[in-house]
């Protein structure tokens, strides 16, 4: 899957193959983690959304 938010290595990068190597390592890590890695990301996202919602609730309740 393409990562459109990451433009890739810059033209002044001293190691042009470093970006691809980093991508390959991350892809292998995600491939080996499988479903548990996915659920960890989902629960992290839900926790972050809950914290943001709680902060918004506090701000609205105070003001």
Protein backbone atom coordinates (compact mmCIF):
# COMPACT_ATOMS: atom_id res chain seq x y z
CA UNK A 1 0.00 0.00 0.00
CA UNK A 2 1.32 3.44 -0.89
CA UNK A 3 1.91 5.99 1.83
CA UNK A 4 0.72 9.24 0.26
CA UNK A 5 1.44 11.32 3.36
CA UNK A 6 5.17 10.54 3.12
CA UNK A 7 6.79 12.17 0.08
CA UNK A 8 9.80 9.88 0.27
CA UNK A 9 13.46 10.72 0.57
CA UNK A 10 14.57 14.28 -0.07
CA UNK A 11 17.08 15.09 -2.77
CA UNK A 12 19.77 15.91 -0.18
CA UNK A 13 19.42 12.59 1.65
CA UNK A 14 22.91 11.06 2.10
CA UNK A 15 21.47 7.52 1.94
CA UNK A 16 18.88 7.24 -0.85
CA UNK A 17 18.35 3.53 -0.16
CA UNK A 18 17.67 4.19 3.52
CA UNK A 19 14.06 5.17 2.99
CA UNK A 20 13.27 1.97 1.11
CA UNK A 21 15.13 -0.14 3.66
CA UNK A 22 13.16 1.49 6.49
CA UNK A 23 9.92 0.88 4.61
CA UNK A 24 10.82 -2.77 4.03
CA UNK A 25 11.62 -3.29 7.72
CA UNK A 26 8.33 -1.71 8.78
CA UNK A 27 6.38 -3.75 6.22
CA UNK A 28 7.97 -6.96 7.51
CA UNK A 29 7.19 -5.97 11.10
CA UNK A 30 3.52 -5.34 10.27
CA UNK A 31 3.36 -8.58 8.31
CA UNK A 32 4.69 -10.66 11.19
CA UNK A 33 2.55 -8.96 13.86
CA UNK A 34 -0.66 -9.70 11.97
CA UNK A 35 -4.02 -9.40 13.72
CA UNK A 36 -2.68 -8.65 17.24
CA UNK A 37 -0.83 -5.63 15.84
CA UNK A 38 -4.03 -4.46 14.16
CA UNK A 39 -6.05 -4.74 17.36
CA UNK A 40 -3.33 -2.92 19.30
CA UNK A 41 -3.56 -0.05 16.82
CA UNK A 42 -7.38 -0.04 17.05
CA UNK A 43 -7.35 0.07 20.84
CA UNK A 44 -4.70 2.82 20.84
CA UNK A 45 -6.90 4.83 18.48
CA UNK A 46 -9.98 4.32 20.66
CA UNK A 47 -8.08 5.41 23.76
CA UNK A 48 -6.86 8.55 21.98
CA UNK A 49 -10.39 9.39 20.81
CA UNK A 50 -11.75 8.84 24.33
CA UNK A 51 -9.13 11.16 25.85
CA UNK A 52 -9.85 13.88 23.28
CA UNK A 53 -13.62 13.51 23.86
CA UNK A 54 -13.09 13.77 27.62
CA UNK A 55 -11.03 16.94 27.22
CA UNK A 56 -13.70 18.47 24.97
CA UNK A 57 -16.39 17.48 27.52
CA UNK A 58 -14.43 19.15 30.32
CA UNK A 59 -13.93 22.36 28.33
CA UNK A 60 -17.64 22.54 27.43
CA UNK A 61 -18.68 21.76 31.00
CA UNK A 62 -16.40 24.42 32.53
CA UNK A 63 -17.36 27.18 30.11
